[in-house]
Amino acid sequence: MYQVPSFEPPKPDTKLPMFSAACEYFDENGQMTHGNIVYTHAVDLRSAECSFRAIYSTELCAGRMRIVAVAPPVGWFVQDEHGEVLTG
């Protein structure tokens, strides 16, 4: 079965804006198995989309994944009371 790649959340010390990508994952038969949201920091929306496409180029080219949309996140979960450790 296809293993979904793990994506380490960006380090919180960067001053760049955060962006999220909504992704769909597919099995060997082309059936969607699940969706996920991944995050990165980038200068702008176009740079964020290019970054996601570079990170997941193997999965995208193989048809195991599709990026549905890239946008600034509405919110995210944190693992500490200061918001410095993001959940993955």
N, C-alpha and C. Protein backbone atom coordinates (compact mmCIF):
# COMPACT_ATOMS: atom_id res chain seq x y z
N MET A 1 0.84 -1.17 0.00
CA MET A 1 0.00 0.00 0.00
C MET A 1 0.89 1.24 0.00
N TYR A 2 0.42 2.29 -0.58
CA TYR A 2 1.16 3.55 -0.68
C TYR A 2 1.27 4.24 0.67
N GLN A 3 2.47 4.62 1.05
CA GLN A 3 2.70 5.33 2.29
C GLN A 3 2.68 6.83 2.02
N VAL A 4 1.90 7.56 2.76
CA VAL A 4 1.82 9.01 2.60
C VAL A 4 3.10 9.61 3.18
N PRO A 5 3.78 10.47 2.40
CA PRO A 5 5.01 11.06 2.94
C PRO A 5 4.69 12.00 4.10
N SER A 6 5.56 11.99 5.08
CA SER A 6 5.35 12.90 6.20
C SER A 6 5.99 14.24 5.87
N PHE A 7 5.39 15.28 6.33
CA PHE A 7 5.87 16.63 6.06
C PHE A 7 6.11 17.32 7.38
N GLU A 8 7.35 17.67 7.63
CA GLU A 8 7.70 18.34 8.88
C GLU A 8 7.19 19.77 8.83
N PRO A 9 6.41 20.21 9.82
CA PRO A 9 5.95 21.60 9.82
C PRO A 9 7.14 22.57 9.83
N PRO A 10 6.99 23.72 9.24
CA PRO A 10 8.09 24.68 9.18
C PRO A 10 8.49 25.18 10.56
N LYS A 11 9.74 25.58 10.67
CA LYS A 11 10.22 26.11 11.94
C LYS A 11 9.55 27.45 12.22
N PRO A 12 9.11 27.69 13.45
CA PRO A 12 8.36 28.91 13.75
C PRO A 12 9.19 30.19 13.81
N ASP A 13 10.54 30.09 13.69
CA ASP A 13 11.34 31.29 13.80
C ASP A 13 11.42 32.10 12.51
N THR A 14 10.85 31.59 11.43
CA THR A 14 10.87 32.31 10.16
C THR A 14 9.86 33.46 10.18
N LYS A 15 10.15 34.51 9.45
CA LYS A 15 9.26 35.67 9.39
C LYS A 15 8.37 35.65 8.14
N LEU A 16 8.53 34.62 7.30
CA LEU A 16 7.71 34.53 6.09
C LEU A 16 6.29 34.08 6.43
N PRO A 17 5.30 34.48 5.63
CA PRO A 17 3.92 34.03 5.88
C PRO A 17 3.77 32.53 5.68
N MET A 18 2.81 31.95 6.37
CA MET A 18 2.54 30.52 6.25
C MET A 18 1.47 30.29 5.19
N PHE A 19 1.60 29.18 4.45
CA PHE A 19 0.62 28.77 3.45
C PHE A 19 0.30 27.30 3.65
N SER A 20 -0.89 26.90 3.25
CA SER A 20 -1.31 25.51 3.35
C SER A 20 -1.73 24.99 1.99
N ALA A 21 -1.62 23.68 1.83
CA ALA A 21 -2.06 23.02 0.59
C ALA A 21 -3.00 21.89 0.96
N ALA A 22 -4.16 21.86 0.31
CA ALA A 22 -5.10 20.76 0.48
C ALA A 22 -4.73 19.70 -0.55
N CYS A 23 -4.48 18.48 -0.09
CA CYS A 23 -4.01 17.41 -0.98
C CYS A 23 -4.93 16.20 -0.91
N GLU A 24 -5.03 15.50 -2.02
CA GLU A 24 -5.76 14.23 -2.09
C GLU A 24 -4.75 13.15 -2.45
N TYR A 25 -4.90 11.97 -1.86
CA TYR A 25 -4.00 10.84 -2.10
C TYR A 25 -4.79 9.70 -2.73
N PHE A 26 -4.15 8.98 -3.66
CA PHE A 26 -4.80 7.94 -4.43
C PHE A 26 -4.07 6.62 -4.29
N ASP A 27 -4.82 5.51 -4.39
CA ASP A 27 -4.22 4.18 -4.35
C ASP A 27 -3.80 3.75 -5.75
N GLU A 28 -3.36 2.51 -5.88
CA GLU A 28 -2.88 1.98 -7.17
C GLU A 28 -3.96 1.96 -8.25
N ASN A 29 -5.23 1.90 -7.84
CA ASN A 29 -6.34 1.86 -8.80
C ASN A 29 -6.87 3.24 -9.15
N GLY A 30 -6.26 4.27 -8.62
CA GLY A 30 -6.70 5.63 -8.90
C GLY A 30 -7.86 6.11 -8.05
N GLN A 31 -8.19 5.35 -7.01
CA GLN A 31 -9.26 5.73 -6.10
C GLN A 31 -8.69 6.60 -4.98
N MET A 32 -9.37 7.70 -4.68
CA MET A 32 -8.90 8.56 -3.60
C MET A 32 -9.04 7.83 -2.27
N THR A 33 -7.95 7.82 -1.49
CA THR A 33 -7.97 7.13 -0.20
C THR A 33 -8.23 8.10 0.94
N HIS A 34 -7.68 9.31 0.85
CA HIS A 34 -7.88 10.30 1.91
C HIS A 34 -7.32 11.65 1.48
N GLY A 35 -7.58 12.66 2.29
CA GLY A 35 -7.05 13.99 2.05
C GLY A 35 -6.20 14.44 3.24
N ASN A 36 -5.42 15.49 3.02
CA ASN A 36 -4.56 15.99 4.08
C ASN A 36 -4.25 17.46 3.79
N ILE A 37 -3.90 18.19 4.83
CA ILE A 37 -3.45 19.57 4.70
C ILE A 37 -1.99 19.62 5.12
N VAL A 38 -1.14 20.22 4.29
CA VAL A 38 0.28 20.39 4.62
C VAL A 38 0.61 21.88 4.62
N TYR A 39 1.67 22.25 5.33
CA TYR A 39 2.00 23.67 5.52
C TYR A 39 3.44 23.96 5.13
N THR A 40 3.69 25.21 4.74
CA THR A 40 5.03 25.71 4.50
C THR A 40 5.04 27.23 4.61
N HIS A 41 6.22 27.79 4.76
CA HIS A 41 6.38 29.24 4.74
C HIS A 41 6.90 29.62 3.35
N ALA A 42 6.46 30.76 2.82
CA ALA A 42 6.91 31.22 1.52
C ALA A 42 6.72 32.73 1.42
N VAL A 43 7.36 33.31 0.42
CA VAL A 43 7.27 34.75 0.20
C VAL A 43 5.87 35.16 -0.23
N ASP A 44 5.27 34.39 -1.14
CA ASP A 44 3.93 34.69 -1.64
C ASP A 44 3.23 33.39 -2.04
N LEU A 45 2.00 33.51 -2.51
CA LEU A 45 1.19 32.34 -2.87
C LEU A 45 1.83 31.51 -3.97
N ARG A 46 2.34 32.17 -5.01
CA ARG A 46 2.96 31.46 -6.14
C ARG A 46 4.20 30.68 -5.67
N SER A 47 5.01 31.29 -4.83
CA SER A 47 6.20 30.61 -4.30
C SER A 47 5.80 29.41 -3.45
N ALA A 48 4.74 29.55 -2.68
CA ALA A 48 4.25 28.44 -1.86
C ALA A 48 3.81 27.27 -2.74
N GLU A 49 3.05 27.57 -3.78
CA GLU A 49 2.60 26.50 -4.68
C GLU A 49 3.78 25.81 -5.35
N CYS A 50 4.76 26.57 -5.79
CA CYS A 50 5.96 25.99 -6.40
C CYS A 50 6.71 25.12 -5.40
N SER A 51 6.76 25.57 -4.15
CA SER A 51 7.44 24.81 -3.11
C SER A 51 6.74 23.47 -2.87
N PHE A 52 5.42 23.49 -2.75
CA PHE A 52 4.67 22.24 -2.56
C PHE A 52 4.88 21.31 -3.74
N ARG A 53 4.84 21.84 -4.96
CA ARG A 53 5.02 20.99 -6.15
C ARG A 53 6.42 20.41 -6.22
N ALA A 54 7.42 21.14 -5.75
CA ALA A 54 8.78 20.62 -5.72
C ALA A 54 8.93 19.53 -4.66
N ILE A 55 8.35 19.76 -3.48
CA ILE A 55 8.43 18.79 -2.39
C ILE A 55 7.78 17.47 -2.78
N TYR A 56 6.63 17.54 -3.42
CA TYR A 56 5.85 16.34 -3.75
C TYR A 56 5.90 15.97 -5.22
N SER A 57 6.95 16.36 -5.94
CA SER A 57 7.01 16.13 -7.39
C SER A 57 6.92 14.65 -7.75
N THR A 58 7.55 13.78 -6.99
CA THR A 58 7.51 12.34 -7.29
C THR A 58 6.09 11.80 -7.19
N GLU A 59 5.40 12.16 -6.11
CA GLU A 59 4.03 11.67 -5.91
C GLU A 59 3.07 12.26 -6.95
N LEU A 60 3.27 13.54 -7.28
CA LEU A 60 2.41 14.19 -8.27
C LEU A 60 2.58 13.56 -9.65
N CYS A 61 3.82 13.34 -10.06
CA CYS A 61 4.09 12.76 -11.38
C CYS A 61 3.61 11.32 -11.48
N ALA A 62 3.64 10.60 -10.37
CA ALA A 62 3.19 9.21 -10.37
C ALA A 62 1.68 9.08 -10.28
N GLY A 63 0.97 10.19 -10.06
CA GLY A 63 -0.49 10.14 -9.95
C GLY A 63 -0.98 9.65 -8.60
N ARG A 64 -0.09 9.62 -7.60
CA ARG A 64 -0.49 9.15 -6.26
C ARG A 64 -1.02 10.29 -5.40
N MET A 65 -0.92 11.52 -5.92
CA MET A 65 -1.31 12.67 -5.13
C MET A 65 -1.77 13.80 -6.05
N ARG A 66 -2.65 14.64 -5.52
CA ARG A 66 -3.09 15.82 -6.26
C ARG A 66 -3.20 16.98 -5.29
N ILE A 67 -2.67 18.14 -5.69
CA ILE A 67 -2.82 19.34 -4.88
C ILE A 67 -4.09 20.04 -5.34
N VAL A 68 -5.07 20.13 -4.46
CA VAL A 68 -6.37 20.69 -4.80
C VAL A 68 -6.32 22.22 -4.77
N ALA A 69 -5.72 22.79 -3.72
CA ALA A 69 -5.66 24.24 -3.58
C ALA A 69 -4.53 24.63 -2.64
N VAL A 70 -4.00 25.83 -2.87
CA VAL A 70 -2.99 26.42 -1.98
C VAL A 70 -3.52 27.77 -1.53
N ALA A 71 -3.45 28.04 -0.23
CA ALA A 71 -3.98 29.29 0.31
C ALA A 71 -3.37 29.56 1.69
N PRO A 72 -3.50 30.78 2.18
CA PRO A 72 -3.09 31.03 3.57
C PRO A 72 -3.97 30.20 4.51
N PRO A 73 -3.41 29.63 5.56
CA PRO A 73 -4.23 28.82 6.47
C PRO A 73 -5.15 29.71 7.31
N VAL A 74 -6.29 29.17 7.63
CA VAL A 74 -7.23 29.87 8.49
C VAL A 74 -6.78 29.73 9.94
N GLY A 75 -6.24 28.57 10.28
CA GLY A 75 -5.76 28.31 11.63
C GLY A 75 -5.02 26.99 11.65
N TRP A 76 -4.30 26.72 12.73
CA TRP A 76 -3.61 25.46 12.87
C TRP A 76 -3.50 25.14 14.34
N PHE A 77 -3.21 23.86 14.62
CA PHE A 77 -3.12 23.39 15.99
C PHE A 77 -1.67 23.51 16.47
N VAL A 78 -1.52 23.82 17.74
CA VAL A 78 -0.18 23.91 18.32
C VAL A 78 -0.05 22.92 19.46
N GLN A 79 1.19 22.54 19.77
CA GLN A 79 1.44 21.56 20.82
C GLN A 79 1.95 22.20 22.11
N ASP A 80 2.08 23.51 22.13
CA ASP A 80 2.53 24.16 23.35
C ASP A 80 1.70 25.43 23.57
N GLU A 81 1.79 26.02 24.73
CA GLU A 81 0.95 27.16 25.05
C GLU A 81 1.39 28.47 24.41
N HIS A 82 2.58 28.50 23.81
CA HIS A 82 3.07 29.71 23.15
C HIS A 82 2.88 29.67 21.64
N GLY A 83 2.41 28.56 21.09
CA GLY A 83 2.19 28.45 19.65
C GLY A 83 3.47 28.29 18.85
N GLU A 84 4.53 27.81 19.48
CA GLU A 84 5.81 27.68 18.79
C GLU A 84 6.02 26.29 18.19
N VAL A 85 5.32 25.28 18.68
CA VAL A 85 5.46 23.92 18.17
C VAL A 85 4.16 23.54 17.48
N LEU A 86 4.20 23.43 16.13
CA LEU A 86 3.01 23.08 15.37
C LEU A 86 2.82 21.58 15.32
N THR A 87 1.57 21.14 15.26
CA THR A 87 1.31 19.71 15.10
C THR A 87 1.44 19.36 13.63
N GLY A 88 1.75 18.12 13.34
CA GLY A 88 1.94 17.69 11.96
C GLY A 88 0.85 16.80 11.48
